[in-house]
Amino acid sequence: MEKKRQQMERMFCPNCQGVHNLGVTRDNSGVTIGYFCHITKEIIKLNTTVWNGMDFRPVISIYLENIVNTKRLPYLGTLKVFKLAKELSYKFMDTDIAKKYEPNYFFVLYILHDELLKIWAKFR
């Protein structure tokens, strides 16, 4: 079995505040979705929220509406919101839609954290 080589692009990383190689994140059809920092283990820049032809932002938004207790959310700090986003991302990866379209975990985490911050800011 041939190992797929990770493509890298040298650009500015806002998390590290410097220029270094960022991994190119692609879906199964080869479309460039975003750029991944291997130092902080996060997607730095997302070009689109579509993975394998499926737009995940509305799906994740509906998922959060059904699963998150918005009454307790304003009491969380930003670090706790990120930890909650990580936990919910793992749970989202077990849903039928995630199994069907096979999105990257960090792609889901990026969108889910962004949507969670929008809800958090609205109730804060």
N, C-alpha and C. Protein backbone atom coordinates (compact mmCIF):
# COMPACT_ATOMS: atom_id res chain seq x y z
N MET A 1 0.85 -1.18 0.00
CA MET A 1 0.00 0.00 0.00
C MET A 1 0.89 1.25 0.00
N GLU A 2 0.66 2.09 -0.95
CA GLU A 2 1.47 3.30 -1.08
C GLU A 2 0.96 4.39 -0.14
N LYS A 3 1.86 4.99 0.60
CA LYS A 3 1.49 6.04 1.54
C LYS A 3 1.33 7.36 0.78
N LYS A 4 0.22 8.04 1.03
CA LYS A 4 -0.05 9.31 0.39
C LYS A 4 0.83 10.40 1.00
N ARG A 5 1.53 11.14 0.17
CA ARG A 5 2.44 12.18 0.66
C ARG A 5 1.65 13.46 0.92
N GLN A 6 1.88 14.04 2.09
CA GLN A 6 1.22 15.28 2.50
C GLN A 6 1.79 16.45 1.72
N GLN A 7 0.92 17.22 1.09
CA GLN A 7 1.35 18.42 0.37
C GLN A 7 1.48 19.56 1.36
N MET A 8 2.53 20.35 1.18
CA MET A 8 2.80 21.48 2.08
C MET A 8 2.89 22.76 1.26
N GLU A 9 2.53 23.85 1.89
CA GLU A 9 2.66 25.16 1.28
C GLU A 9 3.24 26.11 2.32
N ARG A 10 4.24 26.87 1.93
CA ARG A 10 4.90 27.80 2.85
C ARG A 10 4.11 29.10 2.85
N MET A 11 3.58 29.46 4.02
CA MET A 11 2.82 30.70 4.15
C MET A 11 2.79 31.15 5.61
N PHE A 12 2.24 32.34 5.85
CA PHE A 12 2.16 32.90 7.19
C PHE A 12 1.11 32.16 8.01
N CYS A 13 1.47 31.79 9.23
CA CYS A 13 0.56 31.12 10.15
C CYS A 13 0.18 32.09 11.26
N PRO A 14 -1.09 32.49 11.36
CA PRO A 14 -1.49 33.44 12.41
C PRO A 14 -1.38 32.86 13.82
N ASN A 15 -1.48 31.55 13.98
CA ASN A 15 -1.35 30.94 15.31
C ASN A 15 0.07 30.99 15.82
N CYS A 16 1.03 30.73 14.93
CA CYS A 16 2.45 30.70 15.31
C CYS A 16 3.13 32.06 15.13
N GLN A 17 2.45 32.98 14.46
CA GLN A 17 2.99 34.31 14.16
C GLN A 17 4.29 34.23 13.36
N GLY A 18 4.35 33.33 12.42
CA GLY A 18 5.53 33.19 11.59
C GLY A 18 5.22 32.46 10.31
N VAL A 19 6.21 32.41 9.43
CA VAL A 19 6.06 31.72 8.15
C VAL A 19 6.65 30.32 8.30
N HIS A 20 5.87 29.31 7.96
CA HIS A 20 6.36 27.94 7.95
C HIS A 20 5.47 27.11 7.04
N ASN A 21 5.80 25.84 6.86
CA ASN A 21 5.03 24.97 5.98
C ASN A 21 3.71 24.58 6.62
N LEU A 22 2.63 24.81 5.89
CA LEU A 22 1.30 24.41 6.33
C LEU A 22 0.82 23.28 5.44
N GLY A 23 0.16 22.31 6.04
CA GLY A 23 -0.38 21.19 5.27
C GLY A 23 -1.62 21.63 4.50
N VAL A 24 -1.74 21.14 3.27
CA VAL A 24 -2.91 21.43 2.45
C VAL A 24 -3.95 20.36 2.74
N THR A 25 -5.14 20.78 3.17
CA THR A 25 -6.23 19.85 3.47
C THR A 25 -7.13 19.75 2.25
N ARG A 26 -7.31 18.53 1.76
CA ARG A 26 -8.14 18.29 0.58
C ARG A 26 -9.20 17.24 0.90
N ASP A 27 -10.35 17.35 0.21
CA ASP A 27 -11.37 16.32 0.39
C ASP A 27 -11.04 15.14 -0.52
N ASN A 28 -11.90 14.14 -0.57
CA ASN A 28 -11.62 12.92 -1.34
C ASN A 28 -11.58 13.16 -2.84
N SER A 29 -12.21 14.24 -3.32
CA SER A 29 -12.18 14.54 -4.75
C SER A 29 -10.98 15.40 -5.13
N GLY A 30 -10.16 15.78 -4.15
CA GLY A 30 -8.94 16.54 -4.44
C GLY A 30 -9.08 18.05 -4.36
N VAL A 31 -10.24 18.54 -3.96
CA VAL A 31 -10.47 19.98 -3.84
C VAL A 31 -9.79 20.49 -2.56
N THR A 32 -9.02 21.59 -2.70
CA THR A 32 -8.35 22.18 -1.54
C THR A 32 -9.38 22.85 -0.65
N ILE A 33 -9.47 22.39 0.59
CA ILE A 33 -10.45 22.91 1.55
C ILE A 33 -9.83 23.98 2.42
N GLY A 34 -8.61 23.77 2.88
CA GLY A 34 -7.97 24.74 3.78
C GLY A 34 -6.53 24.38 4.05
N TYR A 35 -5.95 25.04 5.05
CA TYR A 35 -4.54 24.85 5.41
C TYR A 35 -4.44 24.50 6.89
N PHE A 36 -3.59 23.53 7.20
CA PHE A 36 -3.48 22.96 8.54
C PHE A 36 -2.10 23.24 9.12
N CYS A 37 -2.06 23.76 10.36
CA CYS A 37 -0.81 24.00 11.06
C CYS A 37 -0.47 22.74 11.87
N HIS A 38 0.69 22.16 11.60
CA HIS A 38 1.10 20.95 12.30
C HIS A 38 1.65 21.24 13.69
N ILE A 39 1.94 22.50 13.98
CA ILE A 39 2.46 22.87 15.30
C ILE A 39 1.32 22.99 16.30
N THR A 40 0.27 23.76 15.95
CA THR A 40 -0.87 23.94 16.86
C THR A 40 -1.98 22.92 16.64
N LYS A 41 -1.87 22.12 15.58
CA LYS A 41 -2.86 21.08 15.25
C LYS A 41 -4.24 21.68 15.03
N GLU A 42 -4.28 22.73 14.19
CA GLU A 42 -5.55 23.38 13.87
C GLU A 42 -5.57 23.79 12.41
N ILE A 43 -6.77 23.87 11.84
CA ILE A 43 -6.91 24.44 10.51
C ILE A 43 -6.79 25.95 10.66
N ILE A 44 -5.92 26.54 9.87
CA ILE A 44 -5.64 27.97 9.96
C ILE A 44 -6.57 28.77 9.06
N LYS A 45 -6.74 28.28 7.84
CA LYS A 45 -7.56 28.99 6.86
C LYS A 45 -8.46 27.98 6.18
N LEU A 46 -9.74 28.31 6.11
CA LEU A 46 -10.71 27.43 5.46
C LEU A 46 -11.23 28.15 4.22
N ASN A 47 -11.06 27.54 3.06
CA ASN A 47 -11.51 28.15 1.81
C ASN A 47 -13.00 27.94 1.57
N THR A 48 -13.52 26.82 2.02
CA THR A 48 -14.91 26.49 1.79
C THR A 48 -15.41 25.57 2.91
N THR A 49 -16.71 25.54 3.11
CA THR A 49 -17.29 24.63 4.11
C THR A 49 -17.90 23.40 3.43
N VAL A 50 -17.59 23.21 2.15
CA VAL A 50 -18.11 22.08 1.39
C VAL A 50 -17.06 20.97 1.37
N TRP A 51 -17.47 19.78 1.80
CA TRP A 51 -16.59 18.60 1.80
C TRP A 51 -17.27 17.50 1.01
N ASN A 52 -16.64 17.02 -0.04
CA ASN A 52 -17.20 15.98 -0.92
C ASN A 52 -18.59 16.36 -1.43
N GLY A 53 -18.80 17.62 -1.75
CA GLY A 53 -20.07 18.08 -2.31
C GLY A 53 -21.14 18.42 -1.29
N MET A 54 -20.86 18.28 0.00
CA MET A 54 -21.83 18.56 1.06
C MET A 54 -21.40 19.77 1.86
N ASP A 55 -22.29 20.77 1.97
CA ASP A 55 -21.99 21.96 2.78
C ASP A 55 -22.27 21.61 4.24
N PHE A 56 -21.23 21.63 5.06
CA PHE A 56 -21.35 21.18 6.45
C PHE A 56 -21.75 22.28 7.43
N ARG A 57 -21.66 23.56 7.05
CA ARG A 57 -22.00 24.62 8.00
C ARG A 57 -23.47 24.53 8.44
N PRO A 58 -24.45 24.44 7.52
CA PRO A 58 -25.84 24.33 7.98
C PRO A 58 -26.12 23.03 8.75
N VAL A 59 -25.46 21.96 8.36
CA VAL A 59 -25.65 20.67 9.05
C VAL A 59 -25.16 20.77 10.49
N ILE A 60 -23.98 21.36 10.68
CA ILE A 60 -23.41 21.51 12.02
C ILE A 60 -24.23 22.49 12.85
N SER A 61 -24.74 23.53 12.21
CA SER A 61 -25.58 24.51 12.90
C SER A 61 -26.83 23.85 13.47
N ILE A 62 -27.48 23.02 12.67
CA ILE A 62 -28.68 22.29 13.12
C ILE A 62 -28.31 21.29 14.22
N TYR A 63 -27.18 20.63 14.06
CA TYR A 63 -26.68 19.68 15.06
C TYR A 63 -26.49 20.38 16.41
N LEU A 64 -25.90 21.57 16.40
CA LEU A 64 -25.67 22.31 17.64
C LEU A 64 -26.97 22.78 18.28
N GLU A 65 -27.93 23.21 17.45
CA GLU A 65 -29.23 23.64 17.99
C GLU A 65 -29.90 22.52 18.76
N ASN A 66 -29.72 21.29 18.29
CA ASN A 66 -30.37 20.14 18.92
C ASN A 66 -29.63 19.58 20.13
N ILE A 67 -28.33 19.82 20.22
CA ILE A 67 -27.54 19.14 21.25
C ILE A 67 -27.01 20.05 22.36
N VAL A 68 -26.89 21.36 22.11
CA VAL A 68 -26.27 22.27 23.08
C VAL A 68 -27.31 22.92 23.98
N ASN A 69 -27.04 22.94 25.28
CA ASN A 69 -27.87 23.63 26.25
C ASN A 69 -27.43 25.10 26.27
N THR A 70 -28.19 25.95 25.60
CA THR A 70 -27.79 27.36 25.46
C THR A 70 -27.91 28.14 26.76
N LYS A 71 -28.65 27.63 27.72
CA LYS A 71 -28.78 28.34 29.01
C LYS A 71 -27.48 28.31 29.80
N ARG A 72 -26.69 27.25 29.67
CA ARG A 72 -25.43 27.12 30.40
C ARG A 72 -24.24 27.67 29.62
N LEU A 73 -24.40 27.84 28.32
CA LEU A 73 -23.30 28.26 27.46
C LEU A 73 -22.67 29.61 27.82
N PRO A 74 -23.45 30.63 28.20
CA PRO A 74 -22.83 31.92 28.52
C PRO A 74 -21.87 31.90 29.71
N TYR A 75 -21.99 30.90 30.56
CA TYR A 75 -21.14 30.82 31.74
C TYR A 75 -19.77 30.20 31.46
N LEU A 76 -19.58 29.70 30.25
CA LEU A 76 -18.31 29.09 29.89
C LEU A 76 -17.32 30.14 29.40
N GLY A 77 -16.05 29.94 29.68
CA GLY A 77 -14.99 30.79 29.15
C GLY A 77 -14.62 30.33 27.75
N THR A 78 -13.74 31.07 27.07
CA THR A 78 -13.38 30.72 25.69
C THR A 78 -12.65 29.38 25.61
N LEU A 79 -11.83 29.06 26.60
CA LEU A 79 -11.12 27.78 26.59
C LEU A 79 -12.10 26.62 26.76
N LYS A 80 -13.09 26.79 27.62
CA LYS A 80 -14.10 25.75 27.83
C LYS A 80 -14.97 25.57 26.59
N VAL A 81 -15.22 26.69 25.87
CA VAL A 81 -16.00 26.60 24.63
C VAL A 81 -15.22 25.77 23.60
N PHE A 82 -13.90 25.98 23.53
CA PHE A 82 -13.07 25.20 22.61
C PHE A 82 -13.05 23.72 23.00
N LYS A 83 -12.96 23.43 24.29
CA LYS A 83 -12.98 22.04 24.75
C LYS A 83 -14.32 21.39 24.43
N LEU A 84 -15.40 22.15 24.60
CA LEU A 84 -16.73 21.64 24.25
C LEU A 84 -16.81 21.37 22.75
N ALA A 85 -16.24 22.26 21.94
CA ALA A 85 -16.23 22.07 20.49
C ALA A 85 -15.48 20.80 20.11
N LYS A 86 -14.37 20.52 20.78
CA LYS A 86 -13.61 19.30 20.50
C LYS A 86 -14.43 18.05 20.83
N GLU A 87 -15.09 18.09 21.98
CA GLU A 87 -15.91 16.95 22.40
C GLU A 87 -17.08 16.73 21.44
N LEU A 88 -17.75 17.81 21.06
CA LEU A 88 -18.89 17.70 20.15
C LEU A 88 -18.45 17.29 18.75
N SER A 89 -17.25 17.67 18.35
CA SER A 89 -16.73 17.26 17.04
C SER A 89 -16.53 15.75 16.99
N TYR A 90 -15.99 15.19 18.06
CA TYR A 90 -15.84 13.73 18.12
C TYR A 90 -17.20 13.05 18.05
N LYS A 91 -18.18 13.59 18.74
CA LYS A 91 -19.53 13.01 18.71
C LYS A 91 -20.15 13.16 17.32
N PHE A 92 -19.90 14.31 16.67
CA PHE A 92 -20.45 14.53 15.33
C PHE A 92 -19.87 13.53 14.33
N MET A 93 -18.62 13.15 14.52
CA MET A 93 -17.98 12.21 13.60
C MET A 93 -18.64 10.83 13.64
N ASP A 94 -19.43 10.55 14.67
CA ASP A 94 -20.16 9.28 14.77
C ASP A 94 -21.55 9.33 14.15
N THR A 95 -21.98 10.49 13.67
CA THR A 95 -23.31 10.60 13.06
C THR A 95 -23.31 9.96 11.68
N ASP A 96 -24.50 9.66 11.19
CA ASP A 96 -24.64 9.02 9.88
C ASP A 96 -24.12 9.89 8.74
N ILE A 97 -24.39 11.19 8.82
CA ILE A 97 -23.95 12.08 7.74
C ILE A 97 -22.43 12.20 7.69
N ALA A 98 -21.79 12.18 8.85
CA ALA A 98 -20.32 12.23 8.87
C ALA A 98 -19.73 10.93 8.35
N LYS A 99 -20.37 9.82 8.64
CA LYS A 99 -19.88 8.54 8.14
C LYS A 99 -20.07 8.44 6.62
N LYS A 100 -21.12 9.06 6.12
CA LYS A 100 -21.39 9.01 4.68
C LYS A 100 -20.40 9.87 3.89
N TYR A 101 -20.16 11.10 4.35
CA TYR A 101 -19.31 12.04 3.60
C TYR A 101 -17.85 12.05 4.05
N GLU A 102 -17.54 11.43 5.18
CA GLU A 102 -16.19 11.28 5.71
C GLU A 102 -15.39 12.58 5.76
N PRO A 103 -15.88 13.60 6.48
CA PRO A 103 -15.10 14.84 6.59
C PRO A 103 -13.92 14.66 7.54
N ASN A 104 -12.93 15.50 7.37
CA ASN A 104 -11.75 15.53 8.24
C ASN A 104 -12.19 16.04 9.61
N TYR A 105 -11.66 15.44 10.68
CA TYR A 105 -12.03 15.86 12.04
C TYR A 105 -11.72 17.34 12.28
N PHE A 106 -10.56 17.80 11.84
CA PHE A 106 -10.17 19.19 12.09
C PHE A 106 -11.02 20.16 11.28
N PHE A 107 -11.51 19.73 10.12
CA PHE A 107 -12.45 20.51 9.32
C PHE A 107 -13.75 20.70 10.10
N VAL A 108 -14.26 19.62 10.67
CA VAL A 108 -15.48 19.67 11.48
C VAL A 108 -15.26 20.53 12.72
N LEU A 109 -14.12 20.36 13.37
CA LEU A 109 -13.80 21.14 14.57
C LEU A 109 -13.77 22.64 14.27
N TYR A 110 -13.19 23.03 13.15
CA TYR A 110 -13.09 24.44 12.77
C TYR A 110 -14.49 25.05 12.62
N ILE A 111 -15.35 24.37 11.88
CA ILE A 111 -16.71 24.89 11.64
C ILE A 111 -17.53 24.85 12.92
N LEU A 112 -17.45 23.75 13.66
CA LEU A 112 -18.23 23.61 14.88
C LEU A 112 -17.83 24.65 15.92
N HIS A 113 -16.54 24.90 16.06
CA HIS A 113 -16.07 25.91 17.02
C HIS A 113 -16.55 27.29 16.60
N ASP A 114 -16.51 27.58 15.31
CA ASP A 114 -16.99 28.87 14.80
C ASP A 114 -18.48 29.05 15.09
N GLU A 115 -19.27 28.02 14.83
CA GLU A 115 -20.71 28.09 15.08
C GLU A 115 -21.01 28.19 16.57
N LEU A 116 -20.26 27.48 17.38
CA LEU A 116 -20.43 27.52 18.84
C LEU A 116 -20.10 28.91 19.38
N LEU A 117 -19.07 29.54 18.84
CA LEU A 117 -18.72 30.91 19.27
C LEU A 117 -19.81 31.91 18.89
N LYS A 118 -20.47 31.70 17.75
CA LYS A 118 -21.58 32.58 17.35
C LYS A 118 -22.73 32.46 18.36
N ILE A 119 -23.07 31.24 18.73
CA ILE A 119 -24.14 31.02 19.72
C ILE A 119 -23.73 31.61 21.07
N TRP A 120 -22.49 31.36 21.48
CA TRP A 120 -21.95 31.85 22.75
C TRP A 120 -22.00 33.37 22.81
N ALA A 121 -21.62 34.04 21.73
CA ALA A 121 -21.61 35.51 21.70
C ALA A 121 -23.04 36.07 21.73
N LYS A 122 -23.97 35.35 21.13
CA LYS A 122 -25.36 35.81 21.09
C LYS A 122 -25.99 35.82 22.48
N PHE A 123 -25.66 34.84 23.30
CA PHE A 123 -26.26 34.73 24.63
C PHE A 123 -25.42 35.37 25.72
N ARG A 124 -24.29 35.87 25.39
CA ARG A 124 -23.39 36.45 26.39
C ARG A 124 -23.76 37.88 26.70
